[in-house]
Structure formats: structure tokens, C-alpha cells
Amino acid sequence: MSSLREALKQRRSIRRYQNKPVAKELVLEVLEATGWAPSAHNSQPWRFILLEDSAVKRELSYEMAEAWAADMAKDGSKVDEAKRIERRERFANAPLIIVACLSMDGMMAFADEQRQRIERDLVVESLAAAIQNMLLTAHGLGLGACWYCAPAFCKPTVRKMLRIPETVEPTALITIGYPAESPAAPPKKTLAEYCYADCWGKPLR
């Protein structure tokens, strides 16, 4: 348990990587770990797409950056060009990209719209648990990783670019590689700020 606590506290979101591919056996270990995450109905509703080809990574990063800028423009906001390039290069230069998707296969189907929305919530929660397993395993193997929600804002773009079937929904993107940085821990809330007892009574401490 002490090693688990250490891993939880030492893991960081790594955005800069060494320029070398990730060993295949390590990639397989990271992916296998996702299968041990808890999931609603044991449906294991996650689907992962691995991207290592430089041309594919660069095209995807470009298309997502353009979609992000177009989306911001709808609100009258203009994306700083330097920031757009930085975000684009961050994805394009990552040794490995894993596109995390969800699927409703194996989930219950309800005629009631509200209950069906709840069922989808369970799929989202299950995928998040699988991604957490991925991040912790990558850290334990000496790899760095970062979880991005960018695909959630441009699903049609990602779907078209990667030819993802309609039954599979791109939701997140995880970059993985050998770390080229060692960031400090970001500020964390205290238990008193997020943990309550007795139906929103006094904080635990």
C-alpha cells in the first residue's frame, strides 16, 4: 500500500517527452492495466486507438487545433496563433497518442430518455477509471503521460480523421513517452474543501 500511495502522489502530467519511441512491451502493459479497471455491469466500455505514425499524429493535431479555433470563434473569441501552434506541436511530437473512446455495447437500453442518459454516465465513469489505471501504470513503468479532453470538443473531426465507427465515441487523448521534464506537484485542495459528512454537514476535518 505504501508504494501505491507514493505512486498516487508522485505521478505528474507530463507534456514534454524524449525523442524516442515507447517500447512495445511497455505499451502492452499500460493497455492491459485498463482491463482491470472497474466498470458498470463489467461492460468494459472502453476502446483505444494507438497512434505512432508521425504523419497521422501531425494531421490529427492540426485538424483538432483548427476545430478548436473554429469553435472559439463562435463565441467571438480569437485563439492566439502561438498558442494554437504550441498545442498542435504538443500532440504531434508525442511519441505515442492513445485516443480513448467509449462504447455503449454491453450497456442496458432504456426507452426512458433520462435512464438512458444515466446509463451513458456510467460508461463515462468506467472509461475514466480505465484511464486512471493507464496513467498510474505508465508512471510505474517510468513513462510519462498526460490526459487531455481535446477530442471531446471536436468529436466529428476526430471521428472522420481516424475513421471511427458511429458506435464508438472519441472522448479523450492520452500522450505517452519517456519524460523530458519533472514538474512540481500542482496545488491540491484539502479534505475540508471537498469531503463532507452527514449530508453536507461539517467537513470531515
N, C-alpha and C. Protein backbone atom coordinates (compact mmCIF):
# COMPACT_ATOMS: atom_id res chain seq x y z
N MET A 1 0.81 -1.21 0.00
CA MET A 1 0.00 0.00 0.00
C MET A 1 0.85 1.26 0.00
N SER A 2 2.01 1.22 0.66
CA SER A 2 2.84 2.41 0.70
C SER A 2 3.31 2.79 -0.70
N SER A 3 3.64 1.78 -1.53
CA SER A 3 4.09 2.07 -2.89
C SER A 3 2.94 2.64 -3.72
N LEU A 4 1.71 2.20 -3.46
CA LEU A 4 0.57 2.75 -4.18
C LEU A 4 0.36 4.21 -3.79
N ARG A 5 0.45 4.49 -2.51
CA ARG A 5 0.30 5.89 -2.06
C ARG A 5 1.38 6.77 -2.66
N GLU A 6 2.59 6.25 -2.74
CA GLU A 6 3.69 7.02 -3.34
C GLU A 6 3.42 7.29 -4.82
N ALA A 7 2.93 6.28 -5.53
CA ALA A 7 2.65 6.44 -6.95
C ALA A 7 1.56 7.48 -7.17
N LEU A 8 0.53 7.46 -6.33
CA LEU A 8 -0.56 8.42 -6.44
C LEU A 8 -0.06 9.85 -6.26
N LYS A 9 0.88 10.02 -5.34
CA LYS A 9 1.37 11.37 -5.04
C LYS A 9 2.50 11.81 -5.97
N GLN A 10 3.23 10.86 -6.53
CA GLN A 10 4.38 11.22 -7.37
C GLN A 10 4.02 11.37 -8.85
N ARG A 11 2.92 10.77 -9.28
CA ARG A 11 2.56 10.86 -10.69
C ARG A 11 2.29 12.31 -11.08
N ARG A 12 2.75 12.68 -12.26
CA ARG A 12 2.55 14.05 -12.77
C ARG A 12 2.04 13.98 -14.21
N SER A 13 1.41 15.04 -14.64
CA SER A 13 1.03 15.17 -16.05
C SER A 13 2.27 15.65 -16.81
N ILE A 14 2.77 14.78 -17.67
CA ILE A 14 4.00 15.07 -18.43
C ILE A 14 3.61 15.48 -19.85
N ARG A 15 4.09 16.64 -20.26
CA ARG A 15 3.74 17.17 -21.58
C ARG A 15 4.92 17.22 -22.54
N ARG A 16 6.14 17.04 -22.02
CA ARG A 16 7.33 17.06 -22.86
C ARG A 16 8.03 15.70 -22.75
N TYR A 17 8.41 15.15 -23.92
CA TYR A 17 8.95 13.80 -23.95
C TYR A 17 10.28 13.73 -24.70
N GLN A 18 11.06 12.72 -24.36
CA GLN A 18 12.28 12.45 -25.11
C GLN A 18 11.91 11.96 -26.51
N ASN A 19 12.78 12.23 -27.44
CA ASN A 19 12.52 11.88 -28.84
C ASN A 19 12.91 10.42 -29.10
N LYS A 20 12.15 9.50 -28.55
CA LYS A 20 12.38 8.08 -28.82
C LYS A 20 11.07 7.32 -28.61
N PRO A 21 10.87 6.26 -29.37
CA PRO A 21 9.61 5.51 -29.28
C PRO A 21 9.49 4.76 -27.95
N VAL A 22 8.26 4.51 -27.57
CA VAL A 22 8.00 3.75 -26.35
C VAL A 22 8.09 2.26 -26.67
N ALA A 23 8.80 1.53 -25.83
CA ALA A 23 8.97 0.09 -26.06
C ALA A 23 7.61 -0.60 -26.11
N LYS A 24 7.44 -1.49 -27.08
CA LYS A 24 6.15 -2.14 -27.30
C LYS A 24 5.67 -2.88 -26.06
N GLU A 25 6.58 -3.56 -25.36
CA GLU A 25 6.15 -4.33 -24.18
C GLU A 25 5.58 -3.42 -23.09
N LEU A 26 6.10 -2.19 -23.01
CA LEU A 26 5.56 -1.25 -22.02
C LEU A 26 4.17 -0.76 -22.44
N VAL A 27 4.00 -0.52 -23.73
CA VAL A 27 2.69 -0.10 -24.24
C VAL A 27 1.65 -1.17 -23.93
N LEU A 28 2.01 -2.43 -24.13
CA LEU A 28 1.08 -3.52 -23.87
C LEU A 28 0.73 -3.61 -22.39
N GLU A 29 1.70 -3.36 -21.51
CA GLU A 29 1.43 -3.36 -20.07
C GLU A 29 0.45 -2.25 -19.69
N VAL A 30 0.66 -1.08 -20.27
CA VAL A 30 -0.23 0.05 -20.00
C VAL A 30 -1.66 -0.27 -20.44
N LEU A 31 -1.79 -0.85 -21.62
CA LEU A 31 -3.12 -1.18 -22.14
C LEU A 31 -3.78 -2.30 -21.35
N GLU A 32 -3.00 -3.29 -20.97
CA GLU A 32 -3.55 -4.40 -20.20
C GLU A 32 -4.10 -3.92 -18.86
N ALA A 33 -3.45 -2.92 -18.28
CA ALA A 33 -3.89 -2.41 -16.98
C ALA A 33 -5.30 -1.82 -17.05
N THR A 34 -5.67 -1.28 -18.21
CA THR A 34 -7.00 -0.69 -18.32
C THR A 34 -8.09 -1.74 -18.15
N GLY A 35 -7.79 -2.98 -18.54
CA GLY A 35 -8.78 -4.04 -18.46
C GLY A 35 -9.13 -4.44 -17.05
N TRP A 36 -8.32 -4.01 -16.08
CA TRP A 36 -8.58 -4.34 -14.68
C TRP A 36 -9.32 -3.24 -13.94
N ALA A 37 -9.70 -2.20 -14.65
CA ALA A 37 -10.46 -1.12 -14.02
C ALA A 37 -11.90 -1.58 -13.78
N PRO A 38 -12.54 -1.07 -12.74
CA PRO A 38 -13.96 -1.39 -12.52
C PRO A 38 -14.81 -0.73 -13.59
N SER A 39 -15.90 -1.39 -13.96
CA SER A 39 -16.79 -0.80 -14.96
C SER A 39 -18.24 -1.22 -14.69
N ALA A 40 -19.17 -0.38 -15.09
CA ALA A 40 -20.59 -0.66 -14.89
C ALA A 40 -20.98 -1.94 -15.62
N HIS A 41 -21.66 -2.85 -14.92
CA HIS A 41 -22.09 -4.14 -15.47
C HIS A 41 -20.91 -4.97 -15.97
N ASN A 42 -19.71 -4.63 -15.55
CA ASN A 42 -18.49 -5.25 -16.08
C ASN A 42 -18.47 -5.20 -17.61
N SER A 43 -18.99 -4.11 -18.14
CA SER A 43 -19.12 -3.96 -19.60
C SER A 43 -17.80 -3.62 -20.27
N GLN A 44 -16.85 -3.07 -19.49
CA GLN A 44 -15.56 -2.64 -20.04
C GLN A 44 -15.77 -1.86 -21.33
N PRO A 45 -16.46 -0.72 -21.23
CA PRO A 45 -16.91 0.00 -22.43
C PRO A 45 -15.87 0.90 -23.08
N TRP A 46 -14.61 0.66 -22.79
CA TRP A 46 -13.55 1.49 -23.36
C TRP A 46 -13.01 0.87 -24.65
N ARG A 47 -12.63 1.76 -25.55
CA ARG A 47 -11.98 1.35 -26.79
C ARG A 47 -10.81 2.31 -27.00
N PHE A 48 -9.65 1.80 -27.38
CA PHE A 48 -8.46 2.63 -27.51
C PHE A 48 -7.86 2.53 -28.92
N ILE A 49 -7.45 3.67 -29.44
CA ILE A 49 -6.81 3.74 -30.75
C ILE A 49 -5.38 4.24 -30.55
N LEU A 50 -4.39 3.46 -30.99
CA LEU A 50 -2.99 3.82 -30.80
C LEU A 50 -2.46 4.51 -32.06
N LEU A 51 -1.80 5.64 -31.85
CA LEU A 51 -1.23 6.40 -32.97
C LEU A 51 0.26 6.60 -32.73
N GLU A 52 1.08 6.03 -33.61
CA GLU A 52 2.53 6.20 -33.54
C GLU A 52 3.09 6.84 -34.80
N ASP A 53 2.38 6.72 -35.90
CA ASP A 53 2.86 7.26 -37.16
C ASP A 53 2.91 8.79 -37.10
N SER A 54 4.06 9.35 -37.41
CA SER A 54 4.26 10.80 -37.29
C SER A 54 3.29 11.59 -38.15
N ALA A 55 3.05 11.13 -39.37
CA ALA A 55 2.16 11.85 -40.27
C ALA A 55 0.73 11.86 -39.75
N VAL A 56 0.28 10.73 -39.20
CA VAL A 56 -1.08 10.65 -38.66
C VAL A 56 -1.22 11.54 -37.43
N LYS A 57 -0.23 11.49 -36.55
CA LYS A 57 -0.28 12.32 -35.34
C LYS A 57 -0.31 13.80 -35.71
N ARG A 58 0.49 14.17 -36.68
CA ARG A 58 0.56 15.58 -37.07
C ARG A 58 -0.75 16.03 -37.73
N GLU A 59 -1.31 15.20 -38.58
CA GLU A 59 -2.57 15.58 -39.22
C GLU A 59 -3.70 15.69 -38.21
N LEU A 60 -3.75 14.74 -37.27
CA LEU A 60 -4.79 14.80 -36.23
C LEU A 60 -4.63 16.04 -35.38
N SER A 61 -3.41 16.34 -34.97
CA SER A 61 -3.18 17.51 -34.13
C SER A 61 -3.54 18.80 -34.86
N TYR A 62 -3.26 18.84 -36.16
CA TYR A 62 -3.61 20.03 -36.96
C TYR A 62 -5.13 20.17 -37.05
N GLU A 63 -5.81 19.09 -37.37
CA GLU A 63 -7.27 19.16 -37.52
C GLU A 63 -7.95 19.52 -36.19
N MET A 64 -7.45 18.99 -35.08
CA MET A 64 -8.05 19.33 -33.78
C MET A 64 -7.81 20.79 -33.43
N ALA A 65 -6.62 21.29 -33.73
CA ALA A 65 -6.31 22.69 -33.45
C ALA A 65 -7.19 23.62 -34.27
N GLU A 66 -7.43 23.27 -35.53
CA GLU A 66 -8.30 24.08 -36.38
C GLU A 66 -9.74 24.04 -35.89
N ALA A 67 -10.19 22.87 -35.46
CA ALA A 67 -11.55 22.74 -34.94
C ALA A 67 -11.71 23.54 -33.66
N TRP A 68 -10.67 23.52 -32.81
CA TRP A 68 -10.70 24.29 -31.56
C TRP A 68 -10.80 25.79 -31.86
N ALA A 69 -10.02 26.27 -32.80
CA ALA A 69 -10.05 27.69 -33.16
C ALA A 69 -11.41 28.08 -33.73
N ALA A 70 -11.99 27.21 -34.57
CA ALA A 70 -13.30 27.49 -35.16
C ALA A 70 -14.38 27.53 -34.09
N ASP A 71 -14.27 26.63 -33.11
CA ASP A 71 -15.24 26.59 -32.02
C ASP A 71 -15.15 27.86 -31.17
N MET A 72 -13.94 28.30 -30.89
CA MET A 72 -13.74 29.52 -30.10
C MET A 72 -14.29 30.74 -30.84
N ALA A 73 -14.18 30.72 -32.16
CA ALA A 73 -14.64 31.84 -32.97
C ALA A 73 -16.15 32.02 -32.89
N LYS A 74 -16.87 30.95 -32.61
CA LYS A 74 -18.33 31.03 -32.49
C LYS A 74 -18.75 31.96 -31.35
N ASP A 75 -17.91 32.04 -30.33
CA ASP A 75 -18.19 32.92 -29.19
C ASP A 75 -17.53 34.29 -29.35
N GLY A 76 -16.95 34.52 -30.51
CA GLY A 76 -16.27 35.79 -30.74
C GLY A 76 -14.87 35.82 -30.18
N SER A 77 -14.37 34.67 -29.72
CA SER A 77 -13.02 34.61 -29.16
C SER A 77 -12.02 34.25 -30.26
N LYS A 78 -10.86 34.82 -30.19
CA LYS A 78 -9.81 34.55 -31.16
C LYS A 78 -8.67 33.82 -30.47
N VAL A 79 -8.30 32.69 -31.03
CA VAL A 79 -7.21 31.89 -30.46
C VAL A 79 -5.87 32.50 -30.85
N ASP A 80 -5.03 32.70 -29.86
CA ASP A 80 -3.68 33.19 -30.13
C ASP A 80 -2.94 32.18 -31.01
N GLU A 81 -2.35 32.67 -32.10
CA GLU A 81 -1.72 31.78 -33.06
C GLU A 81 -0.57 30.99 -32.44
N ALA A 82 0.19 31.64 -31.58
CA ALA A 82 1.30 30.94 -30.93
C ALA A 82 0.79 29.81 -30.05
N LYS A 83 -0.32 30.05 -29.38
CA LYS A 83 -0.90 29.02 -28.52
C LYS A 83 -1.45 27.87 -29.35
N ARG A 84 -2.04 28.19 -30.50
CA ARG A 84 -2.57 27.15 -31.37
C ARG A 84 -1.42 26.27 -31.88
N ILE A 85 -0.32 26.88 -32.27
CA ILE A 85 0.83 26.11 -32.76
C ILE A 85 1.42 25.26 -31.65
N GLU A 86 1.50 25.85 -30.45
CA GLU A 86 2.07 25.11 -29.31
C GLU A 86 1.25 23.88 -29.00
N ARG A 87 -0.07 24.03 -28.99
CA ARG A 87 -0.94 22.89 -28.71
C ARG A 87 -0.83 21.83 -29.81
N ARG A 88 -0.75 22.30 -31.05
CA ARG A 88 -0.64 21.39 -32.19
C ARG A 88 0.66 20.58 -32.11
N GLU A 89 1.77 21.25 -31.80
CA GLU A 89 3.06 20.58 -31.74
C GLU A 89 3.15 19.64 -30.54
N ARG A 90 2.46 19.99 -29.47
CA ARG A 90 2.48 19.14 -28.28
C ARG A 90 1.96 17.75 -28.59
N PHE A 91 0.89 17.67 -29.36
CA PHE A 91 0.34 16.38 -29.74
C PHE A 91 1.16 15.72 -30.83
N ALA A 92 1.55 16.49 -31.83
CA ALA A 92 2.27 15.94 -32.97
C ALA A 92 3.60 15.32 -32.56
N ASN A 93 4.26 15.88 -31.55
CA ASN A 93 5.59 15.42 -31.16
C ASN A 93 5.59 14.35 -30.08
N ALA A 94 4.42 14.01 -29.55
CA ALA A 94 4.36 12.96 -28.54
C ALA A 94 4.71 11.62 -29.18
N PRO A 95 5.56 10.80 -28.55
CA PRO A 95 5.93 9.51 -29.15
C PRO A 95 4.73 8.60 -29.41
N LEU A 96 3.76 8.65 -28.50
CA LEU A 96 2.58 7.79 -28.64
C LEU A 96 1.34 8.57 -28.22
N ILE A 97 0.29 8.46 -29.01
CA ILE A 97 -1.01 9.02 -28.66
C ILE A 97 -2.00 7.87 -28.55
N ILE A 98 -2.74 7.85 -27.47
CA ILE A 98 -3.82 6.89 -27.33
C ILE A 98 -5.13 7.67 -27.28
N VAL A 99 -5.98 7.44 -28.26
CA VAL A 99 -7.29 8.08 -28.29
C VAL A 99 -8.25 7.18 -27.52
N ALA A 100 -8.79 7.70 -26.43
CA ALA A 100 -9.70 6.93 -25.59
C ALA A 100 -11.14 7.17 -26.04
N CYS A 101 -11.84 6.09 -26.28
CA CYS A 101 -13.22 6.17 -26.77
C CYS A 101 -14.13 5.36 -25.86
N LEU A 102 -15.41 5.66 -25.92
CA LEU A 102 -16.39 4.88 -25.18
C LEU A 102 -17.36 4.20 -26.14
N SER A 103 -17.96 3.14 -25.66
CA SER A 103 -18.93 2.40 -26.45
C SER A 103 -20.08 1.98 -25.56
N MET A 104 -21.28 2.02 -26.09
CA MET A 104 -22.46 1.60 -25.33
C MET A 104 -22.72 0.11 -25.48
N ASP A 105 -21.86 -0.61 -26.19
CA ASP A 105 -22.01 -2.06 -26.31
C ASP A 105 -21.95 -2.70 -24.93
N GLY A 106 -22.89 -3.58 -24.65
CA GLY A 106 -22.92 -4.25 -23.36
C GLY A 106 -23.67 -3.49 -22.28
N MET A 107 -24.12 -2.28 -22.60
CA MET A 107 -24.87 -1.50 -21.64
C MET A 107 -26.37 -1.75 -21.82
N MET A 108 -27.14 -1.41 -20.81
CA MET A 108 -28.59 -1.62 -20.87
C MET A 108 -29.24 -0.54 -21.72
N ALA A 109 -30.32 -0.91 -22.40
CA ALA A 109 -31.05 0.03 -23.25
C ALA A 109 -32.41 0.32 -22.62
N PHE A 110 -32.71 1.60 -22.46
CA PHE A 110 -33.97 2.02 -21.86
C PHE A 110 -34.75 2.90 -22.83
N ALA A 111 -36.06 2.75 -22.82
CA ALA A 111 -36.90 3.63 -23.62
C ALA A 111 -36.97 5.01 -22.98
N ASP A 112 -36.82 5.04 -21.66
CA ASP A 112 -36.86 6.30 -20.92
C ASP A 112 -35.57 7.08 -21.16
N GLU A 113 -35.70 8.31 -21.65
CA GLU A 113 -34.53 9.10 -22.02
C GLU A 113 -33.63 9.40 -20.83
N GLN A 114 -34.22 9.70 -19.69
CA GLN A 114 -33.41 10.03 -18.51
C GLN A 114 -32.59 8.83 -18.05
N ARG A 115 -33.20 7.67 -18.00
CA ARG A 115 -32.48 6.48 -17.57
C ARG A 115 -31.38 6.13 -18.56
N GLN A 116 -31.62 6.39 -19.84
CA GLN A 116 -30.60 6.12 -20.84
C GLN A 116 -29.42 7.08 -20.69
N ARG A 117 -29.70 8.33 -20.32
CA ARG A 117 -28.61 9.28 -20.07
C ARG A 117 -27.77 8.83 -18.88
N ILE A 118 -28.44 8.31 -17.87
CA ILE A 118 -27.72 7.82 -16.69
C ILE A 118 -26.83 6.64 -17.07
N GLU A 119 -27.36 5.77 -17.92
CA GLU A 119 -26.57 4.62 -18.37
C GLU A 119 -25.30 5.09 -19.10
N ARG A 120 -25.43 6.16 -19.87
CA ARG A 120 -24.26 6.70 -20.55
C ARG A 120 -23.28 7.30 -19.54
N ASP A 121 -23.80 7.93 -18.49
CA ASP A 121 -22.93 8.46 -17.43
C ASP A 121 -22.07 7.34 -16.85
N LEU A 122 -22.66 6.16 -16.70
CA LEU A 122 -21.91 5.03 -16.15
C LEU A 122 -20.75 4.63 -17.07
N VAL A 123 -20.98 4.76 -18.36
CA VAL A 123 -19.92 4.44 -19.33
C VAL A 123 -18.78 5.45 -19.21
N VAL A 124 -19.13 6.73 -19.07
CA VAL A 124 -18.11 7.78 -18.91
C VAL A 124 -17.29 7.53 -17.65
N GLU A 125 -17.96 7.19 -16.56
CA GLU A 125 -17.25 6.91 -15.30
C GLU A 125 -16.33 5.71 -15.45
N SER A 126 -16.80 4.70 -16.16
CA SER A 126 -15.99 3.49 -16.36
C SER A 126 -14.73 3.80 -17.18
N LEU A 127 -14.89 4.58 -18.24
CA LEU A 127 -13.74 4.95 -19.06
C LEU A 127 -12.72 5.75 -18.24
N ALA A 128 -13.22 6.64 -17.39
CA ALA A 128 -12.31 7.44 -16.55
C ALA A 128 -11.48 6.54 -15.63
N ALA A 129 -12.11 5.49 -15.09
CA ALA A 129 -11.37 4.56 -14.23
C ALA A 129 -10.28 3.84 -15.02
N ALA A 130 -10.59 3.47 -16.27
CA ALA A 130 -9.60 2.79 -17.11
C ALA A 130 -8.43 3.72 -17.42
N ILE A 131 -8.72 4.99 -17.68
CA ILE A 131 -7.65 5.95 -17.98
C ILE A 131 -6.77 6.17 -16.75
N GLN A 132 -7.38 6.19 -15.57
CA GLN A 132 -6.57 6.33 -14.35
C GLN A 132 -5.62 5.15 -14.20
N ASN A 133 -6.10 3.95 -14.48
CA ASN A 133 -5.21 2.78 -14.45
C ASN A 133 -4.06 2.95 -15.43
N MET A 134 -4.38 3.49 -16.60
CA MET A 134 -3.37 3.72 -17.63
C MET A 134 -2.29 4.69 -17.14
N LEU A 135 -2.72 5.79 -16.56
CA LEU A 135 -1.78 6.81 -16.09
C LEU A 135 -0.88 6.29 -14.98
N LEU A 136 -1.45 5.57 -14.04
CA LEU A 136 -0.67 5.05 -12.92
C LEU A 136 0.31 3.97 -13.37
N THR A 137 -0.13 3.13 -14.30
CA THR A 137 0.76 2.09 -14.81
C THR A 137 1.91 2.69 -15.60
N ALA A 138 1.61 3.68 -16.43
CA ALA A 138 2.66 4.36 -17.17
C ALA A 138 3.70 4.95 -16.22
N HIS A 139 3.23 5.59 -15.17
CA HIS A 139 4.15 6.16 -14.17
C HIS A 139 5.00 5.08 -13.53
N GLY A 140 4.37 3.97 -13.17
CA GLY A 140 5.10 2.88 -12.53
C GLY A 140 6.15 2.26 -13.43
N LEU A 141 5.97 2.39 -14.73
CA LEU A 141 6.93 1.83 -15.70
C LEU A 141 8.00 2.84 -16.11
N GLY A 142 8.00 4.00 -15.47
CA GLY A 142 9.00 5.02 -15.81
C GLY A 142 8.63 5.88 -16.99
N LEU A 143 7.38 5.80 -17.42
CA LEU A 143 6.90 6.61 -18.54
C LEU A 143 6.18 7.85 -18.03
N GLY A 144 6.03 8.82 -18.90
CA GLY A 144 5.24 9.99 -18.59
C GLY A 144 3.98 9.96 -19.43
N ALA A 145 2.93 10.57 -18.94
CA ALA A 145 1.67 10.60 -19.68
C ALA A 145 0.88 11.83 -19.29
N CYS A 146 -0.02 12.23 -20.19
CA CYS A 146 -0.90 13.37 -19.90
C CYS A 146 -2.27 13.10 -20.52
N TRP A 147 -3.29 13.35 -19.74
CA TRP A 147 -4.68 13.12 -20.14
C TRP A 147 -5.27 14.44 -20.64
N TYR A 148 -5.69 14.46 -21.89
CA TYR A 148 -6.32 15.65 -22.48
C TYR A 148 -7.76 15.33 -22.87
N CYS A 149 -8.62 16.31 -22.74
CA CYS A 149 -10.02 16.14 -23.13
C CYS A 149 -10.32 16.76 -24.49
N ALA A 150 -9.29 17.11 -25.24
CA ALA A 150 -9.47 17.80 -26.53
C ALA A 150 -10.44 17.12 -27.47
N PRO A 151 -10.39 15.78 -27.64
CA PRO A 151 -11.33 15.16 -28.59
C PRO A 151 -12.79 15.38 -28.24
N ALA A 152 -13.10 15.60 -26.97
CA ALA A 152 -14.49 15.79 -26.57
C ALA A 152 -15.09 17.05 -27.20
N PHE A 153 -14.23 18.01 -27.57
CA PHE A 153 -14.69 19.27 -28.13
C PHE A 153 -14.74 19.26 -29.66
N CYS A 154 -14.24 18.19 -30.27
CA CYS A 154 -14.25 18.12 -31.74
C CYS A 154 -14.42 16.67 -32.19
N LYS A 155 -15.42 16.01 -31.64
CA LYS A 155 -15.65 14.59 -31.92
C LYS A 155 -15.83 14.30 -33.41
N PRO A 156 -16.62 15.11 -34.14
CA PRO A 156 -16.77 14.82 -35.58
C PRO A 156 -15.44 14.85 -36.33
N THR A 157 -14.56 15.79 -35.93
CA THR A 157 -13.25 15.91 -36.58
C THR A 157 -12.41 14.67 -36.33
N VAL A 158 -12.35 14.23 -35.07
CA VAL A 158 -11.54 13.06 -34.72
C VAL A 158 -12.13 11.81 -35.36
N ARG A 159 -13.46 11.70 -35.32
CA ARG A 159 -14.11 10.53 -35.91
C ARG A 159 -13.80 10.40 -37.40
N LYS A 160 -13.92 11.52 -38.13
CA LYS A 160 -13.67 11.49 -39.56
C LYS A 160 -12.20 11.21 -39.87
N MET A 161 -11.31 11.85 -39.13
CA MET A 161 -9.89 11.70 -39.39
C MET A 161 -9.42 10.26 -39.16
N LEU A 162 -9.93 9.62 -38.10
CA LEU A 162 -9.48 8.27 -37.74
C LEU A 162 -10.44 7.18 -38.20
N ARG A 163 -11.48 7.57 -38.92
CA ARG A 163 -12.46 6.62 -39.45
C ARG A 163 -13.06 5.76 -38.34
N ILE A 164 -13.48 6.42 -37.29
CA ILE A 164 -14.06 5.73 -36.13
C ILE A 164 -15.53 5.44 -36.41
N PRO A 165 -15.99 4.22 -36.18
CA PRO A 165 -17.40 3.88 -36.43
C PRO A 165 -18.35 4.65 -35.51
N GLU A 166 -19.58 4.78 -35.94
CA GLU A 166 -20.57 5.56 -35.20
C GLU A 166 -20.85 4.99 -33.82
N THR A 167 -20.63 3.72 -33.63
CA THR A 167 -20.90 3.08 -32.33
C THR A 167 -19.81 3.35 -31.31
N VAL A 168 -18.74 3.99 -31.74
CA VAL A 168 -17.61 4.30 -30.85
C VAL A 168 -17.43 5.82 -30.80
N GLU A 169 -17.31 6.37 -29.59
CA GLU A 169 -17.27 7.82 -29.41
C GLU A 169 -15.93 8.29 -28.86
N PRO A 170 -15.14 9.03 -29.64
CA PRO A 170 -13.86 9.55 -29.12
C PRO A 170 -14.11 10.57 -28.02
N THR A 171 -13.39 10.42 -26.92
CA THR A 171 -13.67 11.24 -25.74
C THR A 171 -12.45 11.94 -25.18
N ALA A 172 -11.31 11.27 -25.21
CA ALA A 172 -10.10 11.84 -24.59
C ALA A 172 -8.88 11.40 -25.38
N LEU A 173 -7.75 11.97 -25.01
CA LEU A 173 -6.49 11.69 -25.68
C LEU A 173 -5.40 11.65 -24.62
N ILE A 174 -4.60 10.59 -24.66
CA ILE A 174 -3.50 10.45 -23.70
C ILE A 174 -2.19 10.41 -24.48
N THR A 175 -1.29 11.32 -24.16
CA THR A 175 0.05 11.28 -24.75
C THR A 175 0.96 10.49 -23.80
N ILE A 176 1.85 9.70 -24.37
CA ILE A 176 2.75 8.86 -23.57
C ILE A 176 4.15 8.88 -24.17
N GLY A 177 5.15 8.88 -23.31
CA GLY A 177 6.53 8.82 -23.75
C GLY A 177 7.46 8.81 -22.56
N TYR A 178 8.75 8.82 -22.84
CA TYR A 178 9.75 8.91 -21.78
C TYR A 178 9.87 10.38 -21.39
N PRO A 179 9.72 10.70 -20.10
CA PRO A 179 9.66 12.11 -19.67
C PRO A 179 10.90 12.92 -20.04
N ALA A 180 10.66 14.18 -20.43
CA ALA A 180 11.74 15.13 -20.68
C ALA A 180 11.57 16.33 -19.75
N GLU A 181 10.79 16.15 -18.71
CA GLU A 181 10.57 17.19 -17.72
C GLU A 181 10.19 16.54 -16.39
N SER A 182 10.32 17.29 -15.32
CA SER A 182 9.96 16.79 -13.99
C SER A 182 9.23 17.90 -13.23
N PRO A 183 7.96 18.12 -13.58
CA PRO A 183 7.21 19.23 -12.97
C PRO A 183 6.92 19.00 -11.49
N ALA A 184 6.79 20.10 -10.78
CA ALA A 184 6.42 20.03 -9.36
C ALA A 184 4.93 19.72 -9.25
N ALA A 185 4.53 19.26 -8.09
CA ALA A 185 3.12 18.95 -7.87
C ALA A 185 2.29 20.23 -7.88
N PRO A 186 1.16 20.23 -8.55
CA PRO A 186 0.29 21.42 -8.54
C PRO A 186 -0.43 21.53 -7.20
N PRO A 187 -0.99 22.69 -6.89
CA PRO A 187 -1.72 22.84 -5.62
C PRO A 187 -2.90 21.87 -5.56
N LYS A 188 -3.14 21.31 -4.41
CA LYS A 188 -4.25 20.39 -4.20
C LYS A 188 -5.17 20.91 -3.10
N LYS A 189 -6.46 20.70 -3.27
CA LYS A 189 -7.42 21.09 -2.25
C LYS A 189 -7.25 20.21 -1.01
N THR A 190 -7.63 20.75 0.12
CA THR A 190 -7.59 19.97 1.35
C THR A 190 -8.85 19.14 1.48
N LEU A 191 -8.82 18.15 2.37
CA LEU A 191 -10.01 17.33 2.60
C LEU A 191 -11.20 18.19 3.00
N ALA A 192 -10.94 19.23 3.79
CA ALA A 192 -12.02 20.09 4.25
C ALA A 192 -12.73 20.81 3.11
N GLU A 193 -12.05 20.94 1.98
CA GLU A 193 -12.63 21.66 0.84
C GLU A 193 -13.49 20.77 -0.05
N TYR A 194 -13.28 19.44 0.03
CA TYR A 194 -14.04 18.59 -0.89
C TYR A 194 -14.66 17.35 -0.26
N CYS A 195 -14.50 17.15 1.03
CA CYS A 195 -15.02 15.95 1.65
C CYS A 195 -15.91 16.31 2.84
N TYR A 196 -17.17 15.88 2.80
CA TYR A 196 -18.14 16.24 3.82
C TYR A 196 -18.76 15.00 4.44
N ALA A 197 -19.37 15.20 5.58
CA ALA A 197 -20.07 14.11 6.27
C ALA A 197 -21.46 14.60 6.67
N ASP A 198 -22.34 13.64 6.95
CA ASP A 198 -23.69 13.95 7.43
C ASP A 198 -24.45 14.86 6.49
N CYS A 199 -24.59 14.40 5.25
CA CYS A 199 -25.41 15.13 4.27
C CYS A 199 -25.06 16.60 4.18
N TRP A 200 -23.84 16.87 3.75
CA TRP A 200 -23.35 18.23 3.58
C TRP A 200 -23.33 19.02 4.88
N GLY A 201 -23.00 18.28 5.96
CA GLY A 201 -22.82 18.96 7.25
C GLY A 201 -21.39 19.44 7.37
N LYS A 202 -20.80 19.26 8.50
CA LYS A 202 -19.44 19.75 8.71
C LYS A 202 -18.45 18.90 7.92
N PRO A 203 -17.37 19.55 7.45
CA PRO A 203 -16.31 18.78 6.77
C PRO A 203 -15.72 17.73 7.70
N LEU A 204 -15.09 16.72 7.13
CA LEU A 204 -14.51 15.66 7.94
C LEU A 204 -13.39 16.17 8.83
N ARG A 205 -12.67 17.17 8.33
CA ARG A 205 -11.61 17.78 9.16
C ARG A 205 -11.35 19.19 8.66
